[in-house]
């Protein structure tokens, strides 16, 4: 299996129900892609759960901007009511997460955070869920593993002997470029068009490894290019560039 890329989000503008709610916090912030908004849970229960109720046609759930693994490795799990769906354990760093599975309906979509210590106040910026595309051919050789990189640019001053004196670190968005040189023309004229439209309205998620939810990042400022294939009209060449945030 290649990359997974989200192209819908049914949770936008929905207000979740929170287990272990913190007074004064705004649950609707979790459904807003604006990462300057977030939600921090309370300290009263063993786990922090975000409940979205009944949802239809879901094949992915994604989380961006959280601190569940800050004190110690954490567990993040997806449930349908009492039924377990998928988890990542142990999550050693605060990676963005994308869980993918065959499309299904949920009677009660729940995202649950289990942290150590149990009273850790987890903060979450954004949760999305909907449908995703599987890019079966995967990425080209040399594609940047953005989920393993850091959002920092470092500059160090040196003394007369060229030895380090002090350094300055500045946050900087990661930049990705995805080339798909042999995509079926029908795919680029249908599903990929839906994806293009979606990227003009909301950020999207990419997951690199099928069985690793933490190999994910949220992408924004997408730029699309579709060109003719040099050998056949049955294929097109697709290129996608974007900025990304992986949570680290």
Protein backbone atom coordinates (compact mmCIF):
# COMPACT_ATOMS: atom_id res chain seq x y z
CA UNK A 1 0.00 0.00 0.00
CA UNK A 2 1.22 3.52 -0.82
CA UNK A 3 0.17 6.86 0.65
CA UNK A 4 -3.19 7.68 2.22
CA UNK A 5 -4.54 11.19 1.50
CA UNK A 6 -7.73 12.65 3.00
CA UNK A 7 -10.18 14.41 0.68
CA UNK A 8 -13.27 15.02 2.84
CA UNK A 9 -13.89 16.11 6.43
CA UNK A 10 -17.37 15.65 7.88
CA UNK A 11 -16.45 16.97 11.34
CA UNK A 12 -15.95 20.58 10.31
CA UNK A 13 -18.19 22.86 12.44
CA UNK A 14 -19.44 19.94 14.56
CA UNK A 15 -19.30 20.32 18.36
CA UNK A 16 -18.05 17.18 20.14
CA UNK A 17 -18.96 15.97 23.61
CA UNK A 18 -15.98 15.83 25.97
CA UNK A 19 -15.22 13.30 28.69
CA UNK A 20 -13.12 14.99 31.39
CA UNK A 21 -14.16 18.48 30.33
CA UNK A 22 -12.27 21.51 31.61
CA UNK A 23 -14.37 24.57 32.62
CA UNK A 24 -13.93 27.47 30.24
CA UNK A 25 -12.62 25.38 27.33
CA UNK A 26 -14.51 25.43 24.01
CA UNK A 27 -15.16 21.96 22.47
CA UNK A 28 -15.89 23.45 19.02
CA UNK A 29 -12.23 24.46 18.77
CA UNK A 30 -11.29 20.83 18.12
CA UNK A 31 -13.28 20.81 14.87
CA UNK A 32 -11.70 24.04 13.61
CA UNK A 33 -8.54 23.70 11.45
CA UNK A 34 -7.24 26.97 12.93
CA UNK A 35 -4.39 25.68 15.12
CA UNK A 36 -4.36 28.85 17.22
CA UNK A 37 -7.53 27.37 18.74
CA UNK A 38 -7.33 24.24 20.87
CA UNK A 39 -8.91 22.35 23.76
CA UNK A 40 -7.25 21.29 27.02
CA UNK A 41 -8.93 18.58 29.09
CA UNK A 42 -9.39 18.43 32.87
CA UNK A 43 -7.62 16.25 35.43
CA UNK A 44 -10.46 14.19 36.91
CA UNK A 45 -10.62 10.94 34.93
CA UNK A 46 -8.33 8.24 33.62
CA UNK A 47 -8.71 9.15 29.99
CA UNK A 48 -9.71 12.12 27.86
CA UNK A 49 -12.32 11.24 25.21
CA UNK A 50 -13.75 13.27 22.32
CA UNK A 51 -17.14 11.99 21.13
CA UNK A 52 -18.67 12.94 17.79
CA UNK A 53 -21.74 10.71 17.84
CA UNK A 54 -23.09 9.01 14.72
CA UNK A 55 -21.06 9.54 11.53
CA UNK A 56 -21.46 7.91 8.12
CA UNK A 57 -19.01 7.06 5.36
CA UNK A 58 -15.81 7.30 7.42
CA UNK A 59 -12.52 5.75 6.28
CA UNK A 60 -10.07 7.86 8.29
CA UNK A 61 -9.76 9.78 11.56
CA UNK A 62 -6.91 12.27 11.96
CA UNK A 63 -5.51 14.34 14.83
CA UNK A 64 -3.22 17.35 14.52
CA UNK A 65 -1.50 19.29 17.28
CA UNK A 66 -1.59 17.42 20.60
CA UNK A 67 0.68 16.90 23.60
CA UNK A 68 -0.47 13.47 24.83
CA UNK A 69 3.05 12.02 24.73
CA UNK A 70 4.79 14.97 26.42
CA UNK A 71 5.19 13.46 29.92
CA UNK A 72 5.53 9.83 28.81
CA UNK A 73 4.47 7.50 25.97
CA UNK A 74 0.71 7.56 25.48
CA UNK A 75 -2.05 5.53 23.83
CA UNK A 76 -4.48 7.07 21.36
CA UNK A 77 -7.41 4.90 20.28
CA UNK A 78 -10.46 5.09 18.03
CA UNK A 79 -13.73 3.52 19.19
CA UNK A 80 -17.24 3.10 17.83
CA UNK A 81 -19.16 3.32 21.07
CA UNK A 82 -17.81 0.38 23.09
CA UNK A 83 -16.29 -1.32 20.05
CA UNK A 84 -12.56 -0.90 19.54
CA UNK A 85 -11.49 0.16 16.02
CA UNK A 86 -7.78 1.01 16.03
CA UNK A 87 -4.98 2.41 18.23
CA UNK A 88 -1.39 3.55 18.34
CA UNK A 89 0.62 2.33 21.34
CA UNK A 90 3.05 3.40 22.58
CA UNK A 91 3.11 6.87 21.04
CA UNK A 92 6.51 8.18 22.11
CA UNK A 93 6.33 11.64 20.48
CA UNK A 94 3.54 14.07 19.73
CA UNK A 95 3.20 13.06 16.09
CA UNK A 96 0.12 13.99 14.16
CA UNK A 97 -1.98 10.86 13.65
CA UNK A 98 -4.07 9.43 10.84
CA UNK A 99 -6.00 6.19 11.34
CA UNK A 100 -7.29 4.55 8.13
CA UNK A 101 -9.64 1.59 7.69
CA UNK A 102 -12.31 0.30 5.28
CA UNK A 103 -15.15 2.80 4.96
CA UNK A 104 -17.74 2.34 7.71
CA UNK A 105 -20.52 4.04 9.64
CA UNK A 106 -20.06 4.92 13.31
CA UNK A 107 -22.84 4.88 15.88
CA UNK A 108 -20.61 6.96 18.18
CA UNK A 109 -17.17 8.06 16.97
CA UNK A 110 -14.82 8.39 19.95
CA UNK A 111 -11.17 9.48 20.04
CA UNK A 112 -9.62 8.45 23.37
CA UNK A 113 -6.30 9.57 24.89
CA UNK A 114 -4.74 7.49 27.68
CA UNK A 115 -1.75 9.23 29.19
CA UNK A 116 0.87 8.77 31.91
CA UNK A 117 0.31 10.22 34.45
CA UNK A 118 -3.44 9.69 34.27
CA UNK A 119 -4.19 13.29 35.26
CA UNK A 120 -2.08 14.83 32.46
CA UNK A 121 -3.97 17.71 30.83
CA UNK A 122 -3.89 16.80 27.16
CA UNK A 123 -4.28 19.59 24.61
CA UNK A 124 -5.65 18.96 21.11
CA UNK A 125 -5.84 21.45 18.24
CA UNK A 126 -7.74 19.68 15.46
CA UNK A 127 -9.60 16.46 14.66
CA UNK A 128 -10.87 15.50 11.20
CA UNK A 129 -12.65 12.46 9.78
CA UNK A 130 -14.07 11.47 6.42
CA UNK A 131 -12.91 9.70 3.27
CA UNK A 132 -9.39 9.18 1.99
CA UNK A 133 -7.64 8.13 -1.20
CA UNK A 134 -5.12 5.29 -1.30
CA UNK A 135 -2.31 6.04 -3.73
CA UNK A 136 -1.41 2.46 -4.59
CA UNK A 137 1.74 3.31 -6.54
CA UNK A 138 3.23 5.10 -3.55
CA UNK A 139 5.69 7.96 -3.76
CA UNK A 140 8.75 8.38 -5.94
CA UNK A 141 12.27 7.66 -4.70
CA UNK A 142 13.59 10.66 -2.78
CA UNK A 143 10.22 11.74 -1.38
CA UNK A 144 10.84 13.52 1.92
CA UNK A 145 9.78 11.63 5.06
CA UNK A 146 8.11 14.70 6.52
CA UNK A 147 6.75 12.84 9.55
CA UNK A 148 10.33 12.27 10.74
CA UNK A 149 11.54 15.85 10.31
CA UNK A 150 11.51 18.89 12.63
CA UNK A 151 9.98 22.34 12.18
CA UNK A 152 13.09 24.22 13.20
CA UNK A 153 15.68 26.21 11.33
CA UNK A 154 18.87 26.70 13.35
CA UNK A 155 21.54 29.37 12.89
CA UNK A 156 24.67 29.44 15.04
CA UNK A 157 27.13 32.30 15.52
CA UNK A 158 30.81 31.46 15.87
CA UNK A 159 33.89 33.09 17.42
CA UNK A 160 37.20 33.95 15.77
CA UNK A 161 38.23 30.29 15.87
CA UNK A 162 35.01 29.29 14.08
CA UNK A 163 33.77 27.53 17.23
CA UNK A 164 30.04 27.73 18.11
CA UNK A 165 29.03 30.51 20.49
CA UNK A 166 25.26 30.76 20.45
CA UNK A 167 22.40 29.50 18.32
CA UNK A 168 18.98 30.73 17.31
CA UNK A 169 16.12 28.37 16.47
CA UNK A 170 13.19 29.56 14.38
CA UNK A 171 10.01 27.57 13.61
CA UNK A 172 9.54 26.87 9.94
CA UNK A 173 6.87 24.94 8.03
CA UNK A 174 8.00 21.76 6.33
CA UNK A 175 7.75 21.70 2.54
CA UNK A 176 6.64 18.64 0.60
CA UNK A 177 6.54 17.73 -3.07
CA UNK A 178 4.72 14.64 -4.33
CA UNK A 179 5.16 13.43 -7.91
CA UNK A 180 2.88 10.76 -9.40
CA UNK A 181 4.14 10.34 -12.98
CA UNK A 182 1.91 7.48 -14.12
CA UNK A 183 -1.60 8.10 -12.82
CA UNK A 184 -4.58 6.76 -14.77
CA UNK A 185 -6.25 9.63 -16.61
CA UNK A 186 -9.71 8.64 -15.33
CA UNK A 187 -8.47 8.93 -11.72
CA UNK A 188 -7.04 12.41 -12.32
CA UNK A 189 -10.34 13.50 -13.91
CA UNK A 190 -12.57 12.21 -11.08
CA UNK A 191 -11.29 11.44 -7.56
CA UNK A 192 -8.25 13.68 -7.85
CA UNK A 193 -10.50 16.57 -8.91
CA UNK A 194 -12.54 16.11 -5.72
CA UNK A 195 -9.28 16.19 -3.78
CA UNK A 196 -8.16 19.40 -5.52
CA UNK A 197 -11.46 21.10 -4.65
CA UNK A 198 -11.13 19.99 -1.02
CA UNK A 199 -7.60 21.40 -0.67
CA UNK A 200 -8.88 24.84 -1.66
CA UNK A 201 -11.27 24.81 1.32
CA UNK A 202 -9.53 22.85 4.10
CA UNK A 203 -6.15 21.36 5.04
CA UNK A 204 -5.67 17.67 4.29
CA UNK A 205 -3.73 14.79 5.83
CA UNK A 206 -1.15 12.46 4.32
CA UNK A 207 -0.11 9.17 5.95
CA UNK A 208 3.00 7.42 4.63
CA UNK A 209 2.87 3.97 6.28
CA UNK A 210 -0.35 1.92 6.31
CA UNK A 211 0.21 0.41 9.77
CA UNK A 212 1.74 3.49 11.43
CA UNK A 213 -0.82 6.21 12.25
CA UNK A 214 2.04 8.43 13.47
CA UNK A 215 3.55 8.61 9.95
CA UNK A 216 1.14 11.47 9.21
CA UNK A 217 1.10 15.22 8.78
CA UNK A 218 -1.42 17.92 8.02
CA UNK A 219 -0.87 19.75 4.72
CA UNK A 220 -1.87 23.22 3.55
CA UNK A 221 -1.16 25.80 0.82
CA UNK A 222 -1.37 23.07 -1.81
CA UNK A 223 -0.37 23.74 -5.41
CA UNK A 224 -1.47 21.31 -8.11
CA UNK A 225 -0.09 20.53 -11.55
CA UNK A 226 -1.40 17.91 -14.00
CA UNK A 227 0.47 17.38 -17.25
CA UNK A 228 0.23 15.07 -20.25
CA UNK A 229 2.11 11.78 -20.07
CA UNK A 230 4.95 11.59 -22.62
CA UNK A 231 3.88 8.20 -24.02
CA UNK A 232 0.09 7.75 -23.73
CA UNK A 233 -3.10 9.73 -23.27
CA UNK A 234 -4.38 7.05 -20.88
CA UNK A 235 -2.02 8.35 -18.18
CA UNK A 236 -1.31 11.77 -16.69
CA UNK A 237 1.57 13.17 -14.67
CA UNK A 238 0.52 14.69 -11.34
CA UNK A 239 2.58 16.94 -9.10
CA UNK A 240 1.50 18.28 -5.71
CA UNK A 241 3.49 20.72 -3.57
CA UNK A 242 2.45 21.82 -0.08
CA UNK A 243 3.48 23.02 3.37
CA UNK A 244 3.14 20.55 6.23
CA UNK A 245 2.99 20.26 10.01
CA UNK A 246 3.72 16.93 11.71
CA UNK A 247 3.20 17.89 15.38
CA UNK A 248 6.83 17.60 16.46
